[in-house]
Amino acid sequence: MCGLLARLADCLWCRWSCGSCLLWCWECLCCSTTTDQELEILGPFPAQTPAWLMNDNSNSEKDADSGVVSEDAGVPSVPSVPSIPSVPASRRSSLETPRSAFSVVGQISSLDSHKLSSPLADVKPIDFWAMGARKALRQPPSDQYFRKLEPGLYSHDSSGDDVDTLTDNEIVHRYQLGMLHFSTQYDLINGHLGVRVIEARDLPPPLTYDGARQDMAHSNPYVKMSLLPDHKNSRQTGVKRKTQNPVFEERFTFDLPFLEVQRRTLLLSVVDFDKFSRHCVIGKVALPLSEVDLVKGGHWWKALVPSSQNEVELGELLLSLTYLPSAGRLNVDVIRAKQLLQTHMIQGSDPFVKVQLVSGLKLVKSKKTSCMRGTIDPFYNESFSFRVPHEDLREVSLVFTVYGHNMKSSNDFVGRVVIGQFSTGPPETSHWRRLLASRRTPVEQWHSLRSRAECDRVSPASLEVT
């Protein structure tokens, strides 16, 4: 009966009242115990710390009123917050119910025998509204910052100056490639430009020395000239053996109208002849013809400047292809070549073209043109016909190889190009696709010759021929 009455009293009285003295829990002193009580904090906390948790002078007055005195002078005064009295198990379930959003009951262990029974709790406010760090403004780096990295890259005095702003003496001192003496004049009566290559002086020696092959202590120079921008009608002088001061004294003409000549630039390249590899460009001179009096003419000593093209091109070959489906014939026309690499120092070149048909990876047929004596711009105009069934057309390749005839030893390799299934590059592939798309119609195109190593690397058909 007593238990029933106690539960009924719990329901009638507020859960914050003491069951013994009927006072509020924070005003009741009879329920205080000497055992340590747990700190129960129900959140969330407000952004600011409650005033009754702050250590100020007002707290010390409350301590004096409540009779709580701290004996330790080194410990700051603690606000007197009455502890929750121990309650029977019958009321513990009711105390565990959810509190309001901002109700905070701070229970710090009561002082027994004038001594703190539990350590002080340092409660700091929680800042809920701080979403992220504020971005700091950055100032752009100054010029001096970049100059510290690599002064040569940002200085106006770097070595990449335009050579047009330098004098001939400054160019010779900087590059030490020598000078070239030549003259130009336009003949209004005959309508052609005349170029005279006179001599060169102080050419640099080769970079390497190899006495087993040839005398590498001296150059074997010659001059190659053309009109930019399309290198129209290229010409070249003879090769002068073992000299750094060659005298050429050769004249050349370009048949062009006067107004067209004025829009072009004369390019003269001094090249070192090498029988066993590609010829090396020593230096070049570019003369805009619009800046000189072509009718009056003139002589110039010009300093050689480095060329971005270290090696001379092997030359170009003009080819025409036609396929006749009804007859199953693949017709090949070798029309002409221009600016072929010179293979003989004195006699020039005696070039011919070898045409070989490869089906898959098997050599089927070989043919060759006639040999043109003493020229690097030969005209052939020769036709060849190969029997190729229509179903095998996409599996064949044509290998064109230019040789320089040599009576004393094996023929000198000049350049090669492969057209067909295993083409050596995009231009060759484009020519072959145009052939497949246009039957019975000749397809003509210029091709730049490539080295043997380059062709062997990209085309399996090149490896099947000799």
Protein backbone atom coordinates (compact mmCIF):
# COMPACT_ATOMS: atom_id res chain seq x y z
CA MET A 1 0.00 0.00 0.00
CA CYS A 2 2.86 2.31 0.85
CA GLY A 3 4.48 1.72 -2.52
CA LEU A 4 1.30 2.58 -4.33
CA LEU A 5 0.94 5.83 -2.43
CA ALA A 6 4.57 6.75 -3.19
CA ARG A 7 4.02 6.30 -6.94
CA LEU A 8 0.85 8.35 -6.77
CA ALA A 9 2.77 11.13 -5.04
CA ASP A 10 5.42 11.03 -7.78
CA CYS A 11 2.78 11.59 -10.40
CA LEU A 12 1.21 14.51 -8.50
CA TRP A 13 4.36 16.33 -7.57
CA CYS A 14 6.68 17.93 -10.14
CA ARG A 15 9.61 15.80 -11.10
CA TRP A 16 11.93 18.61 -9.99
CA SER A 17 10.62 18.56 -6.34
CA CYS A 18 12.21 16.68 -3.48
CA GLY A 19 10.21 13.75 -2.13
CA SER A 20 11.34 14.38 1.47
CA CYS A 21 11.07 18.10 2.14
CA LEU A 22 8.81 19.06 -0.79
CA LEU A 23 11.25 21.78 -1.88
CA TRP A 24 12.79 22.41 -5.29
CA CYS A 25 15.69 20.17 -6.02
CA TRP A 26 18.21 23.04 -6.23
CA GLU A 27 16.99 24.45 -2.90
CA CYS A 28 17.02 21.13 -1.08
CA LEU A 29 20.01 20.40 1.19
CA CYS A 30 18.75 17.29 2.93
CA CYS A 31 19.21 15.11 -0.14
CA SER A 32 22.88 15.99 -0.64
CA THR A 33 25.21 13.00 -0.44
CA THR A 34 28.93 12.66 -0.02
CA THR A 35 29.30 10.46 -3.09
CA ASP A 36 30.41 11.85 -6.41
CA GLN A 37 27.63 12.62 -8.84
CA GLU A 38 27.91 12.46 -12.62
CA LEU A 39 27.77 15.60 -14.73
CA GLU A 40 24.64 15.49 -16.88
CA ILE A 41 24.60 18.00 -19.73
CA LEU A 42 21.68 18.05 -22.10
CA GLY A 43 22.20 19.93 -25.33
CA PRO A 44 22.46 21.47 -27.67
CA PHE A 45 24.31 24.32 -25.97
CA PRO A 46 23.53 27.89 -26.88
CA ALA A 47 26.20 29.82 -28.70
CA GLN A 48 27.16 31.76 -25.56
CA THR A 49 28.13 30.35 -22.17
CA PRO A 50 25.38 30.80 -19.53
CA ALA A 51 26.06 33.53 -17.06
CA TRP A 52 25.87 31.20 -14.08
CA LEU A 53 28.85 29.20 -15.46
CA MET A 54 31.09 32.28 -15.74
CA ASN A 55 33.69 32.87 -13.00
CA ASP A 56 32.95 36.37 -11.88
CA ASN A 57 32.52 38.34 -8.68
CA SER A 58 28.81 37.63 -8.52
CA ASN A 59 29.52 33.90 -8.23
CA SER A 60 31.67 34.42 -5.18
CA GLU A 61 28.80 36.27 -3.48
CA LYS A 62 26.46 33.33 -4.21
CA ASP A 63 29.05 30.98 -2.73
CA ALA A 64 29.11 33.03 0.43
CA ASP A 65 25.32 32.94 0.70
CA SER A 66 25.17 29.17 0.19
CA GLY A 67 27.88 28.51 2.71
CA VAL A 68 30.29 26.86 0.30
CA VAL A 69 33.90 28.01 0.81
CA SER A 70 36.99 26.94 -1.10
CA GLU A 71 39.95 26.30 1.12
CA ASP A 72 42.46 26.18 -1.76
CA ALA A 73 43.49 29.69 -2.53
CA GLY A 74 45.00 28.61 -5.87
CA VAL A 75 41.69 27.26 -7.15
CA PRO A 76 39.27 29.91 -8.43
CA SER A 77 35.84 30.13 -6.90
CA VAL A 78 33.26 27.81 -8.42
CA PRO A 79 29.60 28.74 -8.69
CA SER A 80 27.43 26.81 -6.30
CA VAL A 81 25.24 24.52 -8.35
CA PRO A 82 23.32 22.08 -6.21
CA SER A 83 23.72 18.49 -7.15
CA ILE A 84 20.82 16.27 -8.06
CA PRO A 85 19.89 14.14 -5.08
CA SER A 86 19.88 10.44 -5.31
CA VAL A 87 16.45 9.21 -6.20
CA PRO A 88 14.96 5.79 -5.92
CA ALA A 89 14.83 3.47 -8.88
CA SER A 90 11.12 4.09 -9.21
CA ARG A 91 11.80 7.74 -10.17
CA ARG A 92 14.92 7.10 -12.33
CA SER A 93 12.88 6.22 -15.39
CA SER A 94 11.01 9.48 -15.21
CA LEU A 95 14.24 11.44 -14.93
CA GLU A 96 15.61 9.89 -18.14
CA THR A 97 12.90 11.46 -20.28
CA PRO A 98 14.04 14.01 -22.97
CA ARG A 99 14.73 17.53 -21.80
CA SER A 100 13.95 20.76 -23.61
CA ALA A 101 16.28 21.97 -26.36
CA PHE A 102 18.19 24.46 -24.24
CA SER A 103 17.77 22.96 -20.71
CA VAL A 104 21.14 22.42 -19.15
CA VAL A 105 21.54 20.89 -15.72
CA GLY A 106 25.13 21.16 -14.65
CA GLN A 107 25.83 18.92 -11.74
CA ILE A 108 29.29 19.27 -10.33
CA SER A 109 30.30 17.11 -7.41
CA SER A 110 29.43 18.67 -4.13
CA LEU A 111 32.07 19.68 -1.68
CA ASP A 112 32.44 17.32 1.27
CA SER A 113 34.54 18.15 4.31
CA HIS A 114 35.52 21.47 2.72
CA LYS A 115 37.19 19.62 -0.20
CA LEU A 116 36.33 19.30 -3.90
CA SER A 117 35.17 15.76 -4.58
CA SER A 118 35.55 15.96 -8.41
CA PRO A 119 37.76 17.92 -10.85
CA LEU A 120 36.55 21.15 -12.38
CA ALA A 121 35.02 20.97 -15.83
CA ASP A 122 36.15 23.59 -18.36
CA VAL A 123 33.07 24.07 -20.51
CA LYS A 124 33.65 26.10 -23.70
CA PRO A 125 30.88 27.43 -25.91
CA ILE A 126 30.35 25.68 -29.23
CA ASP A 127 30.27 27.93 -32.26
CA PHE A 128 27.63 26.39 -34.54
CA TRP A 129 27.41 29.18 -37.10
CA ALA A 130 31.07 29.06 -38.27
CA MET A 131 30.71 27.41 -41.67
CA GLY A 132 34.26 27.66 -42.97
CA ALA A 133 37.49 29.58 -43.06
CA ARG A 134 37.47 32.96 -44.70
CA LYS A 135 39.45 33.05 -47.95
CA ALA A 136 42.48 35.31 -47.85
CA LEU A 137 43.10 37.63 -50.76
CA ARG A 138 46.31 36.86 -52.64
CA GLN A 139 48.35 39.46 -54.37
CA PRO A 140 49.68 38.59 -57.87
CA PRO A 141 53.43 37.83 -57.90
CA SER A 142 55.68 40.58 -59.08
CA ASP A 143 58.11 40.54 -61.99
CA GLN A 144 61.02 40.01 -59.63
CA TYR A 145 59.51 36.72 -58.43
CA PHE A 146 59.70 35.17 -61.89
CA ARG A 147 63.12 36.60 -62.63
CA LYS A 148 64.51 34.66 -59.68
CA LEU A 149 63.60 31.35 -61.38
CA GLU A 150 65.54 31.68 -64.63
CA PRO A 151 66.76 35.17 -65.54
CA GLY A 152 67.59 34.17 -69.09
CA LEU A 153 63.95 33.29 -69.78
CA TYR A 154 62.56 36.66 -68.71
CA SER A 155 65.35 39.04 -69.51
CA HIS A 156 65.08 41.23 -72.57
CA ASP A 157 68.75 40.50 -73.27
CA SER A 158 68.29 36.76 -73.86
CA SER A 159 69.99 34.90 -76.69
CA GLY A 160 66.73 34.59 -78.63
CA ASP A 161 67.01 38.05 -80.20
CA ASP A 162 66.00 38.47 -83.81
CA VAL A 163 69.07 38.28 -86.03
CA ASP A 164 67.63 41.09 -88.16
CA THR A 165 68.52 43.56 -85.41
CA LEU A 166 72.18 42.46 -85.36
CA THR A 167 74.97 43.63 -87.64
CA ASP A 168 77.03 41.21 -89.73
CA ASN A 169 79.99 41.59 -87.37
CA GLU A 170 77.80 40.76 -84.36
CA ILE A 171 76.38 37.70 -86.13
CA VAL A 172 79.86 36.45 -87.07
CA HIS A 173 81.09 36.96 -83.51
CA ARG A 174 78.07 35.20 -82.01
CA TYR A 175 77.65 32.17 -84.31
CA GLN A 176 81.10 31.94 -85.99
CA LEU A 177 79.72 30.26 -89.13
CA GLY A 178 81.56 32.38 -91.69
CA MET A 179 80.33 34.69 -94.48
CA LEU A 180 79.00 34.31 -98.01
CA HIS A 181 79.70 36.59 -101.00
CA PHE A 182 77.03 36.74 -103.76
CA SER A 183 75.28 39.17 -106.12
CA THR A 184 71.83 39.56 -107.68
CA GLN A 185 70.42 41.46 -110.68
CA TYR A 186 67.18 41.29 -112.67
CA ASP A 187 67.36 41.29 -116.48
CA LEU A 188 64.32 43.23 -117.73
CA ILE A 189 64.98 42.35 -121.38
CA ASN A 190 65.09 38.58 -120.89
CA GLY A 191 62.76 38.55 -117.87
CA HIS A 192 64.82 36.51 -115.41
CA LEU A 193 66.62 36.96 -112.10
CA GLY A 194 70.37 36.32 -112.14
CA VAL A 195 72.18 35.10 -109.01
CA ARG A 196 75.95 34.82 -108.85
CA VAL A 197 77.52 32.77 -106.04
CA ILE A 198 81.09 34.02 -105.67
CA GLU A 199 82.75 32.61 -102.56
CA ALA A 200 82.52 31.80 -98.87
CA ARG A 201 84.97 32.56 -96.09
CA ASP A 202 85.87 31.18 -92.65
CA LEU A 203 83.48 28.22 -92.68
CA PRO A 204 83.59 26.09 -89.50
CA PRO A 205 85.16 22.61 -89.69
CA PRO A 206 83.02 19.49 -89.12
CA LEU A 207 82.11 18.73 -85.54
CA THR A 208 83.57 15.19 -85.59
CA TYR A 209 86.70 13.60 -86.93
CA ASP A 210 86.81 10.19 -88.56
CA GLY A 211 89.92 9.45 -90.57
CA ALA A 212 88.73 5.98 -91.52
CA ARG A 213 86.01 7.25 -93.84
CA GLN A 214 87.12 10.67 -95.11
CA ASP A 215 89.07 13.78 -94.15
CA MET A 216 86.80 15.25 -91.48
CA ALA A 217 89.22 18.07 -90.62
CA HIS A 218 87.94 20.04 -93.63
CA SER A 219 84.49 20.65 -95.09
CA ASN A 220 83.28 19.83 -98.57
CA PRO A 221 80.89 22.77 -99.03
CA TYR A 222 78.40 23.68 -101.72
CA VAL A 223 75.63 26.28 -101.92
CA LYS A 224 71.96 25.44 -102.41
CA MET A 225 69.55 28.28 -103.29
CA SER A 226 65.80 28.67 -103.74
CA LEU A 227 63.08 31.32 -103.77
CA LEU A 228 60.77 31.35 -100.77
CA PRO A 229 58.07 30.68 -99.77
CA ASP A 230 57.62 27.65 -102.06
CA HIS A 231 61.29 26.84 -102.80
CA LYS A 232 60.51 27.26 -106.48
CA ASN A 233 63.22 26.32 -109.00
CA SER A 234 65.96 25.28 -106.55
CA ARG A 235 69.57 25.39 -107.71
CA GLN A 236 72.91 24.34 -106.28
CA THR A 237 76.60 24.81 -106.98
CA GLY A 238 79.26 22.17 -107.34
CA VAL A 239 81.04 20.72 -104.30
CA LYS A 240 84.42 22.17 -103.31
CA ARG A 241 86.65 19.59 -101.69
CA LYS A 242 88.50 20.03 -98.37
CA THR A 243 88.33 23.75 -97.90
CA GLN A 244 86.92 26.28 -95.44
CA ASN A 245 87.23 29.15 -97.95
CA PRO A 246 85.61 27.84 -101.16
CA VAL A 247 85.48 29.86 -104.39
CA PHE A 248 82.44 28.97 -106.51
CA GLU A 249 82.02 31.62 -109.24
CA GLU A 250 78.82 30.12 -110.60
CA ARG A 251 75.79 31.87 -112.13
CA PHE A 252 72.14 30.84 -112.02
CA THR A 253 68.91 32.23 -113.46
CA PHE A 254 65.27 32.10 -112.32
CA ASP A 255 62.64 32.74 -114.98
CA LEU A 256 60.02 34.75 -113.13
CA PRO A 257 58.17 38.04 -113.78
CA PHE A 258 59.62 41.10 -112.10
CA LEU A 259 56.58 41.74 -109.86
CA GLU A 260 56.61 38.14 -108.64
CA VAL A 261 60.35 38.26 -107.92
CA GLN A 262 59.83 41.29 -105.69
CA ARG A 263 57.42 39.28 -103.51
CA ARG A 264 59.94 36.51 -102.88
CA THR A 265 62.94 35.92 -100.60
CA LEU A 266 66.23 34.49 -101.85
CA LEU A 267 67.47 31.71 -99.56
CA LEU A 268 71.08 30.52 -99.85
CA SER A 269 72.20 27.58 -97.71
CA VAL A 270 75.82 26.50 -97.35
CA VAL A 271 75.88 22.71 -97.03
CA ASP A 272 78.65 20.28 -96.10
CA PHE A 273 78.73 17.25 -98.43
CA ASP A 274 78.86 13.84 -96.70
CA LYS A 275 78.99 10.75 -98.87
CA PHE A 276 78.00 8.34 -96.11
CA SER A 277 75.06 10.18 -94.54
CA ARG A 278 72.76 13.13 -94.99
CA HIS A 279 74.44 16.40 -95.86
CA CYS A 280 74.70 18.88 -93.00
CA VAL A 281 73.59 22.53 -93.30
CA ILE A 282 76.38 24.84 -92.09
CA GLY A 283 74.40 28.08 -92.25
CA LYS A 284 72.03 30.15 -94.33
CA VAL A 285 71.40 33.66 -95.66
CA ALA A 286 67.92 35.05 -96.41
CA LEU A 287 67.61 38.18 -98.59
CA PRO A 288 64.12 39.72 -99.14
CA LEU A 289 64.22 40.83 -102.79
CA SER A 290 61.77 43.66 -102.14
CA GLU A 291 64.44 45.44 -100.08
CA VAL A 292 67.08 45.64 -102.83
CA ASP A 293 67.33 47.39 -106.20
CA LEU A 294 67.08 44.41 -108.54
CA VAL A 295 67.45 46.42 -111.75
CA LYS A 296 70.66 48.09 -110.63
CA GLY A 297 71.90 44.95 -108.87
CA GLY A 298 74.50 44.67 -106.15
CA HIS A 299 77.08 42.58 -104.28
CA TRP A 300 76.72 41.48 -100.66
CA TRP A 301 78.84 39.91 -97.96
CA LYS A 302 76.37 38.31 -95.57
CA ALA A 303 77.09 36.50 -92.32
CA LEU A 304 75.74 32.95 -92.07
CA VAL A 305 73.15 32.24 -89.37
CA PRO A 306 72.12 28.82 -87.98
CA SER A 307 69.40 26.96 -89.81
CA SER A 308 66.51 25.19 -88.09
CA GLN A 309 66.92 22.45 -90.71
CA ASN A 310 70.15 20.69 -89.73
CA GLU A 311 70.00 18.13 -92.54
CA VAL A 312 69.30 18.56 -96.24
CA GLU A 313 66.12 16.98 -97.57
CA LEU A 314 66.57 13.87 -99.68
CA GLY A 315 64.44 15.21 -102.52
CA GLU A 316 60.94 14.79 -103.95
CA LEU A 317 59.38 12.39 -106.42
CA LEU A 318 56.31 13.00 -108.63
CA LEU A 319 54.24 9.84 -109.20
CA SER A 320 50.96 9.02 -110.95
CA LEU A 321 48.88 5.90 -110.22
CA THR A 322 45.98 4.40 -112.20
CA TYR A 323 44.01 1.16 -111.72
CA LEU A 324 41.94 -0.52 -114.46
CA PRO A 325 39.44 -2.94 -112.85
CA SER A 326 38.35 -4.61 -116.09
CA ALA A 327 41.92 -5.50 -117.07
CA GLY A 328 43.19 -5.99 -113.50
CA ARG A 329 46.18 -3.73 -114.17
CA LEU A 330 47.90 -1.24 -111.85
CA ASN A 331 49.71 1.41 -113.92
CA VAL A 332 52.54 3.46 -112.38
CA ASP A 333 54.03 6.60 -113.98
CA VAL A 334 57.36 7.94 -112.69
CA ILE A 335 57.24 11.50 -114.00
CA ARG A 336 60.13 13.43 -112.46
CA ALA A 337 62.19 14.15 -109.34
CA LYS A 338 63.64 17.36 -107.96
CA GLN A 339 66.42 18.39 -105.62
CA LEU A 340 67.69 14.88 -105.08
CA LEU A 341 70.55 14.39 -102.69
CA GLN A 342 73.86 14.60 -104.52
CA THR A 343 75.71 11.30 -104.23
CA HIS A 344 78.98 12.10 -106.01
CA MET A 345 81.21 15.00 -105.05
CA ILE A 346 82.58 15.82 -108.51
CA GLN A 347 80.37 14.20 -111.11
CA GLY A 348 77.09 15.13 -109.40
CA SER A 349 74.42 12.42 -109.44
CA ASP A 350 73.22 9.83 -111.92
CA PRO A 351 69.82 8.97 -110.38
CA PHE A 352 67.36 6.26 -111.33
CA VAL A 353 64.17 4.95 -109.69
CA LYS A 354 63.47 1.34 -108.76
CA VAL A 355 59.79 0.32 -108.56
CA GLN A 356 58.87 -2.88 -106.67
CA LEU A 357 55.47 -4.52 -106.11
CA VAL A 358 54.93 -6.25 -102.73
CA SER A 359 51.81 -8.37 -102.10
CA GLY A 360 51.32 -8.76 -98.36
CA LEU A 361 54.89 -9.41 -97.23
CA LYS A 362 56.14 -11.04 -100.44
CA LEU A 363 58.08 -9.36 -103.25
CA VAL A 364 56.30 -9.99 -106.56
CA LYS A 365 57.92 -7.83 -109.25
CA SER A 366 60.77 -5.28 -109.68
CA LYS A 367 61.33 -2.70 -112.42
CA LYS A 368 63.49 0.42 -112.79
CA THR A 369 63.74 3.59 -114.85
CA SER A 370 66.63 4.70 -117.02
CA CYS A 371 69.60 6.50 -115.44
CA MET A 372 69.81 10.29 -115.86
CA ARG A 373 73.40 11.53 -116.02
CA GLY A 374 74.74 14.45 -113.99
CA THR A 375 71.53 15.96 -112.62
CA ILE A 376 69.62 16.23 -109.37
CA ASP A 377 66.37 17.27 -111.14
CA PRO A 378 65.76 14.38 -113.55
CA PHE A 379 62.76 13.99 -115.89
CA TYR A 380 61.74 10.38 -116.49
CA ASN A 381 58.17 10.19 -117.85
CA GLU A 382 58.28 6.39 -117.78
CA SER A 383 55.32 4.03 -117.22
CA PHE A 384 55.12 0.56 -115.69
CA SER A 385 52.20 -1.85 -115.48
CA PHE A 386 51.63 -4.59 -112.88
CA ARG A 387 48.98 -7.29 -112.96
CA VAL A 388 46.92 -7.03 -109.76
CA PRO A 389 43.50 -8.74 -109.41
CA HIS A 390 40.74 -6.56 -108.03
CA GLU A 391 40.37 -8.68 -104.88
CA ASP A 392 44.10 -8.28 -104.11
CA LEU A 393 44.34 -4.54 -104.70
CA ARG A 394 44.00 -3.55 -101.03
CA GLU A 395 46.79 -5.96 -100.00
CA VAL A 396 49.60 -4.68 -102.24
CA SER A 397 52.27 -2.02 -101.69
CA LEU A 398 54.46 -0.12 -104.14
CA VAL A 399 58.03 0.62 -103.03
CA PHE A 400 59.82 3.46 -104.87
CA THR A 401 63.57 3.75 -104.23
CA VAL A 402 65.88 6.37 -105.75
CA TYR A 403 69.53 5.36 -106.24
CA GLY A 404 72.58 7.17 -107.52
CA HIS A 405 74.41 5.10 -110.12
CA ASN A 406 77.96 4.20 -109.09
CA MET A 407 80.25 2.39 -111.52
CA LYS A 408 82.99 1.63 -108.96
CA SER A 409 80.85 0.18 -106.18
CA SER A 410 77.24 -0.52 -105.28
CA ASN A 411 74.66 2.09 -106.11
CA ASP A 412 74.23 4.93 -103.60
CA PHE A 413 70.93 5.02 -101.75
CA VAL A 414 69.17 8.41 -102.01
CA GLY A 415 65.66 7.93 -100.60
CA ARG A 416 62.55 5.77 -100.50
CA VAL A 417 58.76 6.00 -100.25
CA VAL A 418 56.10 3.24 -99.88
CA ILE A 419 52.51 3.60 -101.14
CA GLY A 420 49.79 1.03 -100.52
CA GLN A 421 48.81 -1.28 -97.68
CA PHE A 422 51.96 -0.46 -95.66
CA SER A 423 52.42 3.22 -96.49
CA THR A 424 55.26 5.21 -94.92
CA GLY A 425 53.19 8.23 -93.91
CA PRO A 426 49.93 10.21 -94.20
CA PRO A 427 50.73 11.67 -97.67
CA GLU A 428 51.31 8.18 -99.09
CA THR A 429 48.14 6.86 -97.41
CA SER A 430 46.14 9.76 -98.87
CA HIS A 431 47.45 9.04 -102.38
CA TRP A 432 46.49 5.37 -102.09
CA ARG A 433 42.97 6.15 -100.84
CA ARG A 434 42.42 8.53 -103.71
CA LEU A 435 43.43 5.75 -106.11
CA LEU A 436 40.94 3.31 -104.56
CA ALA A 437 38.17 5.91 -104.77
CA SER A 438 38.79 6.97 -108.37
CA ARG A 439 39.08 3.99 -110.73
CA ARG A 440 40.37 4.49 -114.29
CA THR A 441 41.49 8.03 -113.44
CA PRO A 442 45.19 8.92 -112.98
CA VAL A 443 46.00 10.25 -109.48
CA GLU A 444 49.15 12.39 -109.34
CA GLN A 445 51.04 13.57 -106.23
CA TRP A 446 54.47 14.73 -105.01
CA HIS A 447 56.17 12.66 -102.29
CA SER A 448 59.10 13.57 -100.05
CA LEU A 449 61.74 10.84 -99.95
CA ARG A 450 62.56 9.23 -96.62
CA SER A 451 65.63 7.48 -95.26
CA ARG A 452 65.97 3.69 -95.33
CA ALA A 453 65.86 3.45 -91.53
CA GLU A 454 62.66 5.49 -91.31
CA CYS A 455 60.92 3.38 -93.95
CA ASP A 456 62.01 0.11 -92.34
CA ARG A 457 60.67 1.31 -89.01
CA VAL A 458 57.14 2.18 -90.19
CA SER A 459 56.56 -0.09 -93.22
CA PRO A 460 56.97 -3.91 -93.25
CA ALA A 461 57.00 -3.80 -97.06
CA SER A 462 60.26 -1.82 -96.98
CA LEU A 463 61.96 -4.70 -95.19
CA GLU A 464 61.07 -7.12 -97.99
CA VAL A 465 63.00 -5.25 -100.71
CA THR A 466 66.69 -4.58 -101.24
